[in-house]
């Protein structure tokens, strides 16, 4: 409490000094009462154990994010381990009894992973779900591409209208507090992560940020897998193109290599015929032509053997 002492020397005004001094003192007394009524703000200093618990929570969140990144790096071709790791961490760190991850494809919603002992009670379809009520929590997320945080599902309008998904979450899974976070790829909604609590206890800002980080990681994993699939597809197309081009190139090489020895064979054969048809026939010259034919035939055989060897090394088969 403040102790205010004021010393005022009232001016001496002829004829009315007592009245002026009295009014001045009354105003000062009123101001003193106002000052006495002002209370200093109170701040609560966190205890050491509370600070330690907060630091431990931050460490757990960072470790969970690192674990998911490690799974992404080790599973470039398989998304399921990534989805499972995300939901395991989300349900554990957010004290949720249900977790689910949905993907959006061609205006259809797919449940690709779910976690928690109460998840089976929801009977979430493992495949496309075409009819999502627009005013349900999931429908509102799809419409707005923004997080949906409902403190008490029993007070939500979708539960009042007895929409199937909300009724199942409340009455079958025993859910009360719900959080849905969008998965975005360049502002395009590609999926969502949802967690559910069995009691009315809103998620903290830190837990909300954690789920947002997990949603971003899931979107990154989807993009990595998509690019890997595209890369493999391009590789297959290139390999197919090479296989189509190779026979043509091989045919040209065979033609070039065999053209000379075969032409020599034809030339020697014609010469041999001419020597045999002379009168009298020149057998010796015809014999030498036949010998050249045999030599050129051997050259052609060597060319064929070399090409056959190259084909085996390149992986070509008889087919």
C-alpha atoms as a PDB file:
ATOM      1  CA  UNK A   1       0.000   0.000   0.000  1.00  0.00           C
ATOM      2  CA  UNK A   2       1.327   3.361  -1.017  1.00  0.00           C
ATOM      3  CA  UNK A   3       1.730   6.093   1.649  1.00  0.00           C
ATOM      4  CA  UNK A   4       1.290   9.486   0.056  1.00  0.00           C
ATOM      5  CA  UNK A   5       2.154  12.643   1.901  1.00  0.00           C
ATOM      6  CA  UNK A   6       1.470  15.947   0.246  1.00  0.00           C
ATOM      7  CA  UNK A   7       2.644  19.311   1.412  1.00  0.00           C
ATOM      8  CA  UNK A   8       0.836  22.156  -0.216  1.00  0.00           C
ATOM      9  CA  UNK A   9       1.278  25.783   0.434  1.00  0.00           C
ATOM     10  CA  UNK A  10      -1.969  27.411  -0.540  1.00  0.00           C
ATOM     11  CA  UNK A  11      -1.599  30.851  -2.062  1.00  0.00           C
ATOM     12  CA  UNK A  12      -2.865  33.737  -0.065  1.00  0.00           C
ATOM     13  CA  UNK A  13      -5.663  35.354  -1.870  1.00  0.00           C
ATOM     14  CA  UNK A  14      -7.186  38.324  -0.256  1.00  0.00           C
ATOM     15  CA  UNK A  15     -10.755  37.942   0.841  1.00  0.00           C
ATOM     16  CA  UNK A  16     -11.141  34.228   0.011  1.00  0.00           C
ATOM     17  CA  UNK A  17      -7.943  32.372   1.033  1.00  0.00           C
ATOM     18  CA  UNK A  18      -9.663  29.951   3.419  1.00  0.00           C
ATOM     19  CA  UNK A  19     -12.214  28.836   0.795  1.00  0.00           C
ATOM     20  CA  UNK A  20      -9.559  28.287  -1.903  1.00  0.00           C
ATOM     21  CA  UNK A  21      -7.306  26.287   0.408  1.00  0.00           C
ATOM     22  CA  UNK A  22     -10.223  24.122   1.546  1.00  0.00           C
ATOM     23  CA  UNK A  23     -11.205  23.203  -2.020  1.00  0.00           C
ATOM     24  CA  UNK A  24      -7.616  22.404  -2.925  1.00  0.00           C
ATOM     25  CA  UNK A  25      -7.146  20.098   0.048  1.00  0.00           C
ATOM     26  CA  UNK A  26     -10.395  18.265  -0.723  1.00  0.00           C
ATOM     27  CA  UNK A  27      -9.223  17.520  -4.272  1.00  0.00           C
ATOM     28  CA  UNK A  28      -5.867  16.314  -3.002  1.00  0.00           C
ATOM     29  CA  UNK A  29      -7.542  14.013  -0.478  1.00  0.00           C
ATOM     30  CA  UNK A  30      -9.687  12.545  -3.282  1.00  0.00           C
ATOM     31  CA  UNK A  31      -6.592  11.885  -5.418  1.00  0.00           C
ATOM     32  CA  UNK A  32      -4.907  10.235  -2.441  1.00  0.00           C
ATOM     33  CA  UNK A  33      -7.861   7.853  -2.053  1.00  0.00           C
ATOM     34  CA  UNK A  34      -7.623   6.970  -5.761  1.00  0.00           C
ATOM     35  CA  UNK A  35      -3.929   6.182  -5.439  1.00  0.00           C
ATOM     36  CA  UNK A  36      -4.602   4.027  -2.394  1.00  0.00           C
ATOM     37  CA  UNK A  37      -7.176   2.031  -4.396  1.00  0.00           C
ATOM     38  CA  UNK A  38      -4.711   1.105  -7.151  1.00  0.00           C
ATOM     39  CA  UNK A  39      -3.328  -2.416  -6.708  1.00  0.00           C
ATOM     40  CA  UNK A  40      -0.036  -3.481  -8.218  1.00  0.00           C
ATOM     41  CA  UNK A  41      -0.344  -6.373 -10.754  1.00  0.00           C
ATOM     42  CA  UNK A  42       0.535  -9.788  -9.448  1.00  0.00           C
ATOM     43  CA  UNK A  43       2.709 -12.190 -11.448  1.00  0.00           C
ATOM     44  CA  UNK A  44       3.055 -15.860 -10.639  1.00  0.00           C
ATOM     45  CA  UNK A  45       6.610 -17.109 -10.997  1.00  0.00           C
ATOM     46  CA  UNK A  46       6.760 -20.719 -12.303  1.00  0.00           C
ATOM     47  CA  UNK A  47       8.340 -23.191  -9.950  1.00  0.00           C
ATOM     48  CA  UNK A  48      11.538 -25.023 -10.797  1.00  0.00           C
ATOM     49  CA  UNK A  49       9.684 -28.306 -11.300  1.00  0.00           C
ATOM     50  CA  UNK A  50       7.215 -26.633 -13.679  1.00  0.00           C
ATOM     51  CA  UNK A  51      10.050 -25.198 -15.755  1.00  0.00           C
ATOM     52  CA  UNK A  52      11.784 -28.576 -15.851  1.00  0.00           C
ATOM     53  CA  UNK A  53       8.579 -30.288 -16.959  1.00  0.00           C
ATOM     54  CA  UNK A  54       8.088 -27.694 -19.703  1.00  0.00           C
ATOM     55  CA  UNK A  55      11.638 -28.229 -20.965  1.00  0.00           C
ATOM     56  CA  UNK A  56      11.151 -31.996 -20.884  1.00  0.00           C
ATOM     57  CA  UNK A  57       7.965 -31.607 -22.929  1.00  0.00           C
ATOM     58  CA  UNK A  58       9.792 -29.520 -25.524  1.00  0.00           C
ATOM     59  CA  UNK A  59      12.509 -32.183 -25.717  1.00  0.00           C
ATOM     60  CA  UNK A  60       9.893 -34.908 -26.231  1.00  0.00           C
ATOM     61  CA  UNK A  61       8.282 -32.935 -29.052  1.00  0.00           C
ATOM     62  CA  UNK A  62      11.621 -32.350 -30.766  1.00  0.00           C
ATOM     63  CA  UNK A  63      12.545 -36.013 -30.442  1.00  0.00           C
ATOM     64  CA  UNK A  64       9.207 -37.050 -31.967  1.00  0.00           C
ATOM     65  CA  UNK A  65       9.668 -34.709 -34.930  1.00  0.00           C
ATOM     66  CA  UNK A  66      13.218 -36.032 -35.450  1.00  0.00           C
ATOM     67  CA  UNK A  67      11.984 -39.640 -35.334  1.00  0.00           C
ATOM     68  CA  UNK A  68       9.399 -38.952 -38.019  1.00  0.00           C
ATOM     69  CA  UNK A  69      12.009 -37.274 -40.234  1.00  0.00           C
ATOM     70  CA  UNK A  70      14.242 -40.324 -39.804  1.00  0.00           C
ATOM     71  CA  UNK A  71      11.415 -42.639 -40.874  1.00  0.00           C
ATOM     72  CA  UNK A  72      10.785 -40.446 -43.928  1.00  0.00           C
ATOM     73  CA  UNK A  73      14.459 -40.688 -44.904  1.00  0.00           C
ATOM     74  CA  UNK A  74      14.467 -44.475 -44.487  1.00  0.00           C
ATOM     75  CA  UNK A  75      11.173 -45.112 -46.310  1.00  0.00           C
ATOM     76  CA  UNK A  76      11.237 -43.138 -49.578  1.00  0.00           C
ATOM     77  CA  UNK A  77       9.083 -45.744 -51.322  1.00  0.00           C
ATOM     78  CA  UNK A  78       6.659 -46.687 -48.527  1.00  0.00           C
ATOM     79  CA  UNK A  79       4.388 -44.164 -46.814  1.00  0.00           C
ATOM     80  CA  UNK A  80       2.762 -46.491 -44.300  1.00  0.00           C
ATOM     81  CA  UNK A  81       5.666 -46.462 -41.780  1.00  0.00           C
ATOM     82  CA  UNK A  82       5.626 -42.651 -41.942  1.00  0.00           C
ATOM     83  CA  UNK A  83       1.890 -42.444 -41.263  1.00  0.00           C
ATOM     84  CA  UNK A  84       2.176 -44.951 -38.415  1.00  0.00           C
ATOM     85  CA  UNK A  85       5.058 -43.045 -36.783  1.00  0.00           C
ATOM     86  CA  UNK A  86       3.150 -39.754 -37.021  1.00  0.00           C
ATOM     87  CA  UNK A  87      -0.001 -41.140 -35.418  1.00  0.00           C
ATOM     88  CA  UNK A  88       1.937 -42.964 -32.693  1.00  0.00           C
ATOM     89  CA  UNK A  89       3.673 -39.740 -31.668  1.00  0.00           C
ATOM     90  CA  UNK A  90       0.560 -37.576 -32.048  1.00  0.00           C
ATOM     91  CA  UNK A  91      -1.676 -39.739 -29.872  1.00  0.00           C
ATOM     92  CA  UNK A  92       1.047 -40.229 -27.259  1.00  0.00           C
ATOM     93  CA  UNK A  93       2.224 -36.626 -26.875  1.00  0.00           C
ATOM     94  CA  UNK A  94      -1.270 -35.124 -27.077  1.00  0.00           C
ATOM     95  CA  UNK A  95      -2.821 -37.651 -24.659  1.00  0.00           C
ATOM     96  CA  UNK A  96      -5.399 -38.643 -27.280  1.00  0.00           C
ATOM     97  CA  UNK A  97      -7.216 -41.961 -27.381  1.00  0.00           C
ATOM     98  CA  UNK A  98      -7.884 -41.849 -31.143  1.00  0.00           C
ATOM     99  CA  UNK A  99      -5.758 -40.709 -34.067  1.00  0.00           C
ATOM    100  CA  UNK A 100      -6.495 -40.936 -37.777  1.00  0.00           C
ATOM    101  CA  UNK A 101      -4.852 -39.766 -40.976  1.00  0.00           C
ATOM    102  CA  UNK A 102      -6.965 -39.039 -44.041  1.00  0.00           C
ATOM    103  CA  UNK A 103      -5.925 -38.353 -47.640  1.00  0.00           C
ATOM    104  CA  UNK A 104      -7.965 -36.498 -50.256  1.00  0.00           C
ATOM    105  CA  UNK A 105      -7.933 -37.831 -53.800  1.00  0.00           C
ATOM    106  CA  UNK A 106     -10.345 -36.837 -56.534  1.00  0.00           C
ATOM    107  CA  UNK A 107     -12.758 -35.295 -54.010  1.00  0.00           C
ATOM    108  CA  UNK A 108     -12.806 -38.530 -52.003  1.00  0.00           C
ATOM    109  CA  UNK A 109     -11.501 -39.024 -48.462  1.00  0.00           C
ATOM    110  CA  UNK A 110      -9.326 -42.069 -47.691  1.00  0.00           C
ATOM    111  CA  UNK A 111      -8.449 -43.323 -44.217  1.00  0.00           C
ATOM    112  CA  UNK A 112      -4.849 -44.508 -44.584  1.00  0.00           C
ATOM    113  CA  UNK A 113      -3.930 -44.986 -40.906  1.00  0.00           C
ATOM    114  CA  UNK A 114      -5.587 -44.974 -37.479  1.00  0.00           C
ATOM    115  CA  UNK A 115      -4.390 -45.397 -33.912  1.00  0.00           C
ATOM    116  CA  UNK A 116      -5.721 -45.763 -30.390  1.00  0.00           C
ATOM    117  CA  UNK A 117      -7.783 -48.326 -28.467  1.00  0.00           C
ATOM    118  CA  UNK A 118     -11.042 -46.584 -29.374  1.00  0.00           C
ATOM    119  CA  UNK A 119     -10.296 -46.237 -33.097  1.00  0.00           C
ATOM    120  CA  UNK A 120     -11.844 -49.617 -33.921  1.00  0.00           C
ATOM    121  CA  UNK A 121     -15.131 -48.469 -32.411  1.00  0.00           C
ATOM    122  CA  UNK A 122     -15.426 -45.766 -35.064  1.00  0.00           C
ATOM    123  CA  UNK A 123     -15.355 -48.318 -37.912  1.00  0.00           C
ATOM    124  CA  UNK A 124     -13.438 -45.903 -40.143  1.00  0.00           C
ATOM    125  CA  UNK A 125     -13.513 -47.231 -43.724  1.00  0.00           C
ATOM    126  CA  UNK A 126     -10.124 -48.215 -45.164  1.00  0.00           C
ATOM    127  CA  UNK A 127     -10.848 -46.678 -48.541  1.00  0.00           C
ATOM    128  CA  UNK A 128     -12.698 -43.800 -50.201  1.00  0.00           C
ATOM    129  CA  UNK A 129     -15.509 -42.126 -48.305  1.00  0.00           C
ATOM    130  CA  UNK A 130     -17.458 -39.989 -50.766  1.00  0.00           C
ATOM    131  CA  UNK A 131     -20.164 -38.449 -48.588  1.00  0.00           C
ATOM    132  CA  UNK A 132     -18.704 -36.009 -46.050  1.00  0.00           C
ATOM    133  CA  UNK A 133     -21.390 -33.716 -44.562  1.00  0.00           C
ATOM    134  CA  UNK A 134     -20.310 -30.123 -45.317  1.00  0.00           C
ATOM    135  CA  UNK A 135     -21.017 -28.906 -41.766  1.00  0.00           C
ATOM    136  CA  UNK A 136     -19.322 -31.827 -40.022  1.00  0.00           C
ATOM    137  CA  UNK A 137     -15.891 -31.125 -38.466  1.00  0.00           C
ATOM    138  CA  UNK A 138     -14.149 -32.844 -41.390  1.00  0.00           C
ATOM    139  CA  UNK A 139     -16.417 -31.111 -43.892  1.00  0.00           C
ATOM    140  CA  UNK A 140     -15.618 -27.702 -42.395  1.00  0.00           C
ATOM    141  CA  UNK A 141     -11.894 -28.456 -42.591  1.00  0.00           C
ATOM    142  CA  UNK A 142     -12.211 -29.442 -46.253  1.00  0.00           C
ATOM    143  CA  UNK A 143     -14.133 -26.246 -46.949  1.00  0.00           C
ATOM    144  CA  UNK A 144     -11.834 -23.828 -45.086  1.00  0.00           C
ATOM    145  CA  UNK A 145      -8.458 -25.677 -45.199  1.00  0.00           C
ATOM    146  CA  UNK A 146      -7.921 -24.529 -41.612  1.00  0.00           C
ATOM    147  CA  UNK A 147      -7.550 -26.364 -38.268  1.00  0.00           C
ATOM    148  CA  UNK A 148     -10.769 -27.361 -36.508  1.00  0.00           C
ATOM    149  CA  UNK A 149     -10.532 -27.424 -32.696  1.00  0.00           C
ATOM    150  CA  UNK A 150     -13.705 -28.424 -30.854  1.00  0.00           C
ATOM    151  CA  UNK A 151     -13.582 -28.309 -27.070  1.00  0.00           C
ATOM    152  CA  UNK A 152     -16.739 -30.389 -26.571  1.00  0.00           C
ATOM    153  CA  UNK A 153     -18.168 -32.431 -29.420  1.00  0.00           C
ATOM    154  CA  UNK A 154     -21.497 -32.850 -27.637  1.00  0.00           C
ATOM    155  CA  UNK A 155     -22.046 -29.101 -28.028  1.00  0.00           C
ATOM    156  CA  UNK A 156     -21.094 -29.020 -31.704  1.00  0.00           C
ATOM    157  CA  UNK A 157     -23.803 -28.372 -34.279  1.00  0.00           C
ATOM    158  CA  UNK A 158     -22.949 -31.574 -36.151  1.00  0.00           C
ATOM    159  CA  UNK A 159     -23.736 -33.628 -33.037  1.00  0.00           C
ATOM    160  CA  UNK A 160     -27.029 -31.776 -32.567  1.00  0.00           C
ATOM    161  CA  UNK A 161     -27.946 -32.733 -36.134  1.00  0.00           C
ATOM    162  CA  UNK A 162     -26.910 -36.339 -35.405  1.00  0.00           C
ATOM    163  CA  UNK A 163     -24.370 -36.528 -38.216  1.00  0.00           C
ATOM    164  CA  UNK A 164     -22.927 -40.027 -38.411  1.00  0.00           C
ATOM    165  CA  UNK A 165     -19.233 -39.236 -37.954  1.00  0.00           C
ATOM    166  CA  UNK A 166     -19.682 -36.961 -34.947  1.00  0.00           C
ATOM    167  CA  UNK A 167     -22.194 -39.285 -33.282  1.00  0.00           C
ATOM    168  CA  UNK A 168     -19.783 -42.214 -33.709  1.00  0.00           C
ATOM    169  CA  UNK A 169     -16.899 -40.173 -32.274  1.00  0.00           C
ATOM    170  CA  UNK A 170     -18.951 -39.254 -29.199  1.00  0.00           C
ATOM    171  CA  UNK A 171     -21.063 -42.327 -28.535  1.00  0.00           C
ATOM    172  CA  UNK A 172     -18.869 -45.151 -29.848  1.00  0.00           C
ATOM    173  CA  UNK A 173     -15.343 -43.862 -29.211  1.00  0.00           C
ATOM    174  CA  UNK A 174     -16.252 -41.761 -26.168  1.00  0.00           C
ATOM    175  CA  UNK A 175     -14.636 -38.662 -27.676  1.00  0.00           C
ATOM    176  CA  UNK A 176     -15.177 -35.168 -26.361  1.00  0.00           C
ATOM    177  CA  UNK A 177     -12.378 -32.848 -27.504  1.00  0.00           C
ATOM    178  CA  UNK A 178     -11.433 -33.022 -31.192  1.00  0.00           C
ATOM    179  CA  UNK A 179      -8.601 -31.518 -33.235  1.00  0.00           C
ATOM    180  CA  UNK A 180      -8.306 -31.711 -37.028  1.00  0.00           C
ATOM    181  CA  UNK A 181      -5.299 -30.199 -38.829  1.00  0.00           C
ATOM    182  CA  UNK A 182      -5.026 -29.882 -42.636  1.00  0.00           C
ATOM    183  CA  UNK A 183      -2.166 -31.295 -44.699  1.00  0.00           C
ATOM    184  CA  UNK A 184      -1.316 -28.736 -47.362  1.00  0.00           C
ATOM    185  CA  UNK A 185       0.830 -28.811 -50.482  1.00  0.00           C
ATOM    186  CA  UNK A 186       1.314 -25.270 -51.794  1.00  0.00           C
ATOM    187  CA  UNK A 187      -2.051 -24.194 -50.302  1.00  0.00           C
ATOM    188  CA  UNK A 188      -3.763 -27.253 -51.776  1.00  0.00           C
ATOM    189  CA  UNK A 189      -5.500 -29.531 -49.270  1.00  0.00           C
ATOM    190  CA  UNK A 190      -4.232 -33.092 -49.668  1.00  0.00           C
ATOM    191  CA  UNK A 191      -5.239 -34.641 -46.338  1.00  0.00           C
ATOM    192  CA  UNK A 192      -5.758 -34.162 -42.618  1.00  0.00           C
ATOM    193  CA  UNK A 193      -4.626 -35.497 -39.250  1.00  0.00           C
ATOM    194  CA  UNK A 194      -7.239 -35.869 -36.516  1.00  0.00           C
ATOM    195  CA  UNK A 195      -6.913 -36.653 -32.795  1.00  0.00           C
ATOM    196  CA  UNK A 196      -9.628 -37.212 -30.203  1.00  0.00           C
ATOM    197  CA  UNK A 197      -9.682 -37.015 -26.404  1.00  0.00           C
ATOM    198  CA  UNK A 198     -12.118 -38.802 -24.102  1.00  0.00           C
ATOM    199  CA  UNK A 199     -12.564 -35.791 -21.803  1.00  0.00           C
ATOM    200  CA  UNK A 200     -13.382 -32.118 -22.293  1.00  0.00           C
ATOM    201  CA  UNK A 201      -9.839 -30.739 -22.248  1.00  0.00           C
ATOM    202  CA  UNK A 202      -8.812 -28.493 -25.144  1.00  0.00           C
ATOM    203  CA  UNK A 203      -5.440 -29.070 -26.729  1.00  0.00           C
ATOM    204  CA  UNK A 204      -2.710 -26.587 -25.888  1.00  0.00           C
ATOM    205  CA  UNK A 205      -1.137 -24.236 -28.415  1.00  0.00           C
ATOM    206  CA  UNK A 206       2.046 -26.289 -28.250  1.00  0.00           C
ATOM    207  CA  UNK A 207       0.152 -29.497 -29.017  1.00  0.00           C
ATOM    208  CA  UNK A 208      -1.622 -27.775 -31.893  1.00  0.00           C
ATOM    209  CA  UNK A 209       1.734 -26.669 -33.316  1.00  0.00           C
ATOM    210  CA  UNK A 210       3.054 -30.223 -32.938  1.00  0.00           C
ATOM    211  CA  UNK A 211       0.175 -31.652 -34.995  1.00  0.00           C
ATOM    212  CA  UNK A 212       0.706 -28.884 -37.578  1.00  0.00           C
ATOM    213  CA  UNK A 213       4.375 -29.927 -37.819  1.00  0.00           C
ATOM    214  CA  UNK A 214       3.359 -33.570 -38.226  1.00  0.00           C
ATOM    215  CA  UNK A 215       0.921 -32.591 -40.997  1.00  0.00           C
ATOM    216  CA  UNK A 216       3.716 -30.733 -42.795  1.00  0.00           C
ATOM    217  CA  UNK A 217       5.979 -33.780 -42.484  1.00  0.00           C
ATOM    218  CA  UNK A 218       3.276 -36.048 -43.891  1.00  0.00           C
ATOM    219  CA  UNK A 219       2.843 -33.681 -46.845  1.00  0.00           C
ATOM    220  CA  UNK A 220       6.620 -33.731 -47.429  1.00  0.00           C
ATOM    221  CA  UNK A 221       6.651 -37.543 -47.329  1.00  0.00           C
ATOM    222  CA  UNK A 222       3.825 -37.672 -49.871  1.00  0.00           C
ATOM    223  CA  UNK A 223       5.696 -35.320 -52.192  1.00  0.00           C
ATOM    224  CA  UNK A 224       8.937 -37.311 -51.869  1.00  0.00           C
ATOM    225  CA  UNK A 225       7.113 -40.543 -52.687  1.00  0.00           C
ATOM    226  CA  UNK A 226       5.347 -38.915 -55.630  1.00  0.00           C
ATOM    227  CA  UNK A 227       8.642 -37.671 -57.060  1.00  0.00           C
ATOM    228  CA  UNK A 228      10.309 -41.045 -56.522  1.00  0.00           C
ATOM    229  CA  UNK A 229       7.457 -42.744 -58.370  1.00  0.00           C
ATOM    230  CA  UNK A 230       7.713 -40.196 -61.187  1.00  0.00           C
ATOM    231  CA  UNK A 231      11.482 -40.726 -61.373  1.00  0.00           C
ATOM    232  CA  UNK A 232      11.059 -44.503 -61.612  1.00  0.00           C
ATOM    233  CA  UNK A 233       8.386 -44.042 -64.261  1.00  0.00           C
ATOM    234  CA  UNK A 234      10.730 -41.878 -66.341  1.00  0.00           C
ATOM    235  CA  UNK A 235      13.511 -44.437 -65.919  1.00  0.00           C
ATOM    236  CA  UNK A 236      11.225 -47.219 -67.137  1.00  0.00           C
ATOM    237  CA  UNK A 237      10.201 -45.138 -70.145  1.00  0.00           C
ATOM    238  CA  UNK A 238      13.831 -44.379 -70.989  1.00  0.00           C
ATOM    239  CA  UNK A 239      14.806 -48.034 -70.657  1.00  0.00           C
ATOM    240  CA  UNK A 240      11.892 -49.002 -72.879  1.00  0.00           C
ATOM    241  CA  UNK A 241      12.995 -46.412 -75.433  1.00  0.00           C
ATOM    242  CA  UNK A 242      16.530 -47.774 -75.338  1.00  0.00           C
ATOM    243  CA  UNK A 243      15.241 -51.284 -75.918  1.00  0.00           C
ATOM    244  CA  UNK A 244      13.230 -50.079 -78.882  1.00  0.00           C
ATOM    245  CA  UNK A 245      16.169 -48.138 -80.320  1.00  0.00           C
ATOM    246  CA  UNK A 246      18.743 -50.894 -79.767  1.00  0.00           C
ATOM    247  CA  UNK A 247      17.391 -53.382 -82.354  1.00  0.00           C
ATOM    248  CA  UNK A 248      17.472 -50.695 -85.035  1.00  0.00           C
ATOM    249  CA  UNK A 249      21.026 -49.728 -84.147  1.00  0.00           C
ATOM    250  CA  UNK A 250      22.032 -53.377 -84.011  1.00  0.00           C
ATOM    251  CA  UNK A 251      20.538 -54.027 -87.440  1.00  0.00           C
ATOM    252  CA  UNK A 252      22.493 -51.118 -88.914  1.00  0.00           C
ATOM    253  CA  UNK A 253      25.737 -52.375 -87.339  1.00  0.00           C
ATOM    254  CA  UNK A 254      25.206 -55.924 -88.641  1.00  0.00           C
ATOM    255  CA  UNK A 255      24.452 -54.626 -92.122  1.00  0.00           C
ATOM    256  CA  UNK A 256      27.579 -52.483 -92.150  1.00  0.00           C
ATOM    257  CA  UNK A 257      29.870 -55.233 -90.837  1.00  0.00           C
ATOM    258  CA  UNK A 258      28.570 -57.969 -93.146  1.00  0.00           C
ATOM    259  CA  UNK A 259      28.232 -55.884 -96.270  1.00  0.00           C
ATOM    260  CA  UNK A 260      31.903 -56.043 -97.300  1.00  0.00           C
ATOM    261  CA  UNK A 261      32.596 -59.783 -96.849  1.00  0.00           C
ATOM    262  CA  UNK A 262      29.293 -60.742 -98.478  1.00  0.00           C
ATOM    263  CA  UNK A 263      29.987 -58.440-101.420  1.00  0.00           C
ATOM    264  CA  UNK A 264      33.403 -60.072-101.791  1.00  0.00           C
ATOM    265  CA  UNK A 265      31.797 -63.531-101.728  1.00  0.00           C
ATOM    266  CA  UNK A 266      29.413 -62.538-104.523  1.00  0.00           C
ATOM    267  CA  UNK A 267      32.243 -61.056-106.566  1.00  0.00           C
ATOM    268  CA  UNK A 268      34.426 -64.161-106.199  1.00  0.00           C
ATOM    269  CA  UNK A 269      31.511 -66.458-107.031  1.00  0.00           C
ATOM    270  CA  UNK A 270      30.794 -64.562-110.266  1.00  0.00           C
ATOM    271  CA  UNK A 271      34.472 -64.702-111.207  1.00  0.00           C
ATOM    272  CA  UNK A 272      34.578 -68.425-110.532  1.00  0.00           C
ATOM    273  CA  UNK A 273      31.596 -68.952-112.835  1.00  0.00           C
ATOM    274  CA  UNK A 274      33.290 -67.001-115.606  1.00  0.00           C
ATOM    275  CA  UNK A 275      36.508 -69.062-115.315  1.00  0.00           C
ATOM    276  CA  UNK A 276      34.539 -72.298-115.407  1.00  0.00           C
ATOM    277  CA  UNK A 277      32.563 -71.284-118.515  1.00  0.00           C
ATOM    278  CA  UNK A 278      35.594 -70.391-120.626  1.00  0.00           C
ATOM    279  CA  UNK A 279      36.711 -72.721-123.370  1.00  0.00           C
ATOM    280  CA  UNK A 280      38.680 -74.526-122.150  1.00  0.00           C
ATOM    281  CA  UNK A 281      37.697 -73.897-118.444  1.00  0.00           C
ATOM    282  CA  UNK A 282      40.436 -72.379-116.282  1.00  0.00           C
ATOM    283  CA  UNK A 283      40.165 -74.606-113.263  1.00  0.00           C
ATOM    284  CA  UNK A 284      43.089 -73.053-111.410  1.00  0.00           C
ATOM    285  CA  UNK A 285      41.607 -69.544-111.533  1.00  0.00           C
ATOM    286  CA  UNK A 286      38.201 -70.894-110.512  1.00  0.00           C
ATOM    287  CA  UNK A 287      39.863 -72.690-107.624  1.00  0.00           C
ATOM    288  CA  UNK A 288      41.506 -69.474-106.409  1.00  0.00           C
ATOM    289  CA  UNK A 289      38.124 -67.721-106.573  1.00  0.00           C
ATOM    290  CA  UNK A 290      36.567 -70.444-104.459  1.00  0.00           C
ATOM    291  CA  UNK A 291      39.384 -70.051-101.928  1.00  0.00           C
ATOM    292  CA  UNK A 292      38.640 -66.308-101.717  1.00  0.00           C
ATOM    293  CA  UNK A 293      34.947 -67.167-101.210  1.00  0.00           C
ATOM    294  CA  UNK A 294      35.850 -69.364 -98.256  1.00  0.00           C
ATOM    295  CA  UNK A 295      38.075 -66.634 -96.778  1.00  0.00           C
ATOM    296  CA  UNK A 296      35.328 -64.000 -97.063  1.00  0.00           C
ATOM    297  CA  UNK A 297      32.794 -66.425 -95.584  1.00  0.00           C
ATOM    298  CA  UNK A 298      35.083 -66.891 -92.598  1.00  0.00           C
ATOM    299  CA  UNK A 299      35.258 -63.093 -92.197  1.00  0.00           C
ATOM    300  CA  UNK A 300      31.459 -62.930 -92.182  1.00  0.00           C
ATOM    301  CA  UNK A 301      31.339 -65.659 -89.547  1.00  0.00           C
ATOM    302  CA  UNK A 302      33.763 -63.731 -87.337  1.00  0.00           C
ATOM    303  CA  UNK A 303      31.597 -60.608 -87.627  1.00  0.00           C
ATOM    304  CA  UNK A 304      28.531 -62.579 -86.566  1.00  0.00           C
ATOM    305  CA  UNK A 305      30.425 -64.066 -83.607  1.00  0.00           C
ATOM    306  CA  UNK A 306      31.559 -60.607 -82.414  1.00  0.00           C
ATOM    307  CA  UNK A 307      28.020 -59.213 -82.657  1.00  0.00           C
ATOM    308  CA  UNK A 308      26.630 -62.204 -80.778  1.00  0.00           C
ATOM    309  CA  UNK A 309      29.184 -61.658 -78.002  1.00  0.00           C
ATOM    310  CA  UNK A 310      28.280 -57.961 -77.740  1.00  0.00           C
ATOM    311  CA  UNK A 311      24.590 -58.846 -77.509  1.00  0.00           C
ATOM    312  CA  UNK A 312      25.224 -61.199 -74.584  1.00  0.00           C
ATOM    313  CA  UNK A 313      27.226 -58.519 -72.735  1.00  0.00           C
ATOM    314  CA  UNK A 314      24.484 -55.934 -73.307  1.00  0.00           C
ATOM    315  CA  UNK A 315      21.847 -58.260 -71.883  1.00  0.00           C
ATOM    316  CA  UNK A 316      19.944 -58.996 -75.060  1.00  0.00           C
ATOM    317  CA  UNK A 317      18.131 -62.319 -75.242  1.00  0.00           C
ATOM    318  CA  UNK A 318      16.926 -64.369 -78.112  1.00  0.00           C
ATOM    319  CA  UNK A 319      13.431 -62.916 -77.650  1.00  0.00           C
END
